[in-house]
């Protein structure tokens, strides 16, 4: 079945960087647009970034534009999120899935930005 395993989260100081990974399985990864989402405690899950099947087109939420970069490795069925200049408001659980598909969410990876 379709599965997503997110990793790479952790505790980082404001201004720091993290690189998240999401290993996908159960579908033809290279044929689908992929997205990252995040959920802040007590809030709705929100869109962060997406990338086209071969990586030529990316989109970002205004709140992360210029700081985050989404990429993918179709040979490894993995999508990445490079997060730079992190802010306390980036603290959230980060998830990935196929864009516009009602996939079951993975466990996510926790990012905490705090001094």
Protein backbone atom coordinates (compact mmCIF):
# COMPACT_ATOMS: atom_id res chain seq x y z
CA UNK A 1 0.00 0.00 0.00
CA UNK A 2 0.98 3.64 -0.28
CA UNK A 3 3.31 4.67 2.53
CA UNK A 4 5.38 7.68 3.51
CA UNK A 5 8.18 7.71 6.07
CA UNK A 6 9.39 11.16 7.05
CA UNK A 7 12.69 11.79 8.83
CA UNK A 8 15.28 14.45 9.56
CA UNK A 9 13.46 16.59 12.08
CA UNK A 10 14.90 17.79 15.34
CA UNK A 11 15.66 20.74 17.58
CA UNK A 12 17.42 23.67 15.94
CA UNK A 13 18.14 27.25 16.93
CA UNK A 14 16.52 30.16 15.08
CA UNK A 15 18.47 30.85 11.91
CA UNK A 16 19.57 27.25 11.64
CA UNK A 17 18.94 24.64 8.95
CA UNK A 18 17.49 21.16 8.65
CA UNK A 19 17.00 18.77 5.75
CA UNK A 20 13.90 16.59 5.86
CA UNK A 21 13.50 13.39 3.87
CA UNK A 22 10.40 11.44 2.90
CA UNK A 23 10.71 7.90 1.61
CA UNK A 24 7.66 6.86 -0.41
CA UNK A 25 6.51 3.39 -1.43
CA UNK A 26 3.54 1.57 -2.91
CA UNK A 27 3.10 3.64 -6.07
CA UNK A 28 5.00 4.84 -9.15
CA UNK A 29 6.78 7.69 -7.40
CA UNK A 30 8.22 9.35 -10.50
CA UNK A 31 4.74 9.81 -11.99
CA UNK A 32 3.33 11.98 -9.21
CA UNK A 33 3.65 15.51 -7.94
CA UNK A 34 4.72 15.45 -4.29
CA UNK A 35 4.07 17.91 -1.51
CA UNK A 36 5.24 18.75 1.98
CA UNK A 37 2.74 19.87 4.60
CA UNK A 38 3.06 20.86 8.24
CA UNK A 39 0.83 20.92 11.26
CA UNK A 40 1.37 23.29 14.11
CA UNK A 41 -0.06 22.13 17.42
CA UNK A 42 -3.75 22.99 17.57
CA UNK A 43 -3.97 24.17 13.98
CA UNK A 44 -4.99 22.74 10.63
CA UNK A 45 -2.41 21.00 8.49
CA UNK A 46 -1.07 23.47 5.92
CA UNK A 47 0.68 23.28 2.57
CA UNK A 48 4.41 24.03 2.55
CA UNK A 49 5.81 23.12 -0.87
CA UNK A 50 5.27 20.90 -3.91
CA UNK A 51 7.35 19.56 -6.78
CA UNK A 52 6.41 18.20 -10.19
CA UNK A 53 7.08 14.57 -11.13
CA UNK A 54 10.48 15.25 -12.71
CA UNK A 55 11.31 18.19 -10.50
CA UNK A 56 11.01 20.94 -13.06
CA UNK A 57 8.30 22.93 -11.27
CA UNK A 58 8.09 23.84 -7.61
CA UNK A 59 5.62 25.85 -5.55
CA UNK A 60 5.94 27.25 -2.05
CA UNK A 61 3.76 28.76 0.62
CA UNK A 62 4.49 32.47 1.00
CA UNK A 63 5.65 31.87 4.56
CA UNK A 64 8.58 29.70 3.45
CA UNK A 65 9.42 31.14 0.03
CA UNK A 66 13.10 31.96 -0.26
CA UNK A 67 14.01 29.88 2.81
CA UNK A 68 12.86 26.34 1.96
CA UNK A 69 13.75 24.26 -1.10
CA UNK A 70 11.93 21.11 -2.17
CA UNK A 71 13.70 18.50 -4.29
CA UNK A 72 13.35 14.84 -5.18
CA UNK A 73 15.35 11.77 -6.15
CA UNK A 74 13.15 9.56 -8.30
CA UNK A 75 15.74 6.80 -8.26
CA UNK A 76 15.34 6.56 -4.49
CA UNK A 77 11.62 7.36 -4.28
CA UNK A 78 12.45 10.17 -1.91
CA UNK A 79 11.44 13.81 -1.62
CA UNK A 80 13.45 16.32 0.41
CA UNK A 81 12.83 19.64 2.09
CA UNK A 82 15.86 21.81 2.76
CA UNK A 83 14.92 24.36 5.41
CA UNK A 84 17.19 27.35 5.98
CA UNK A 85 16.87 30.47 8.12
CA UNK A 86 14.45 28.65 10.38
CA UNK A 87 12.11 30.66 12.58
CA UNK A 88 10.24 29.67 15.76
CA UNK A 89 7.00 29.79 13.75
CA UNK A 90 8.32 26.93 11.60
CA UNK A 91 7.95 24.63 14.62
CA UNK A 92 5.54 21.89 13.51
CA UNK A 93 5.23 18.28 12.49
CA UNK A 94 6.13 17.93 8.82
CA UNK A 95 4.49 15.42 6.46
CA UNK A 96 4.71 14.49 2.81
CA UNK A 97 2.28 12.88 0.40
CA UNK A 98 1.15 12.93 -3.18
CA UNK A 99 -0.34 16.28 -4.13
CA UNK A 100 -4.16 16.26 -4.32
CA UNK A 101 -4.46 12.60 -3.34
CA UNK A 102 -6.29 11.42 -0.27
CA UNK A 103 -3.34 9.34 0.94
CA UNK A 104 -2.99 8.10 4.49
CA UNK A 105 -0.59 10.40 6.30
CA UNK A 106 2.72 9.10 7.60
CA UNK A 107 3.90 9.65 11.15
CA UNK A 108 5.56 12.92 10.25
CA UNK A 109 8.80 14.35 11.60
CA UNK A 110 8.89 16.93 14.38
CA UNK A 111 10.76 20.19 13.86
CA UNK A 112 11.33 22.46 16.85
CA UNK A 113 12.93 25.85 16.33
CA UNK A 114 13.90 27.31 19.66
CA UNK A 115 16.82 28.94 21.43
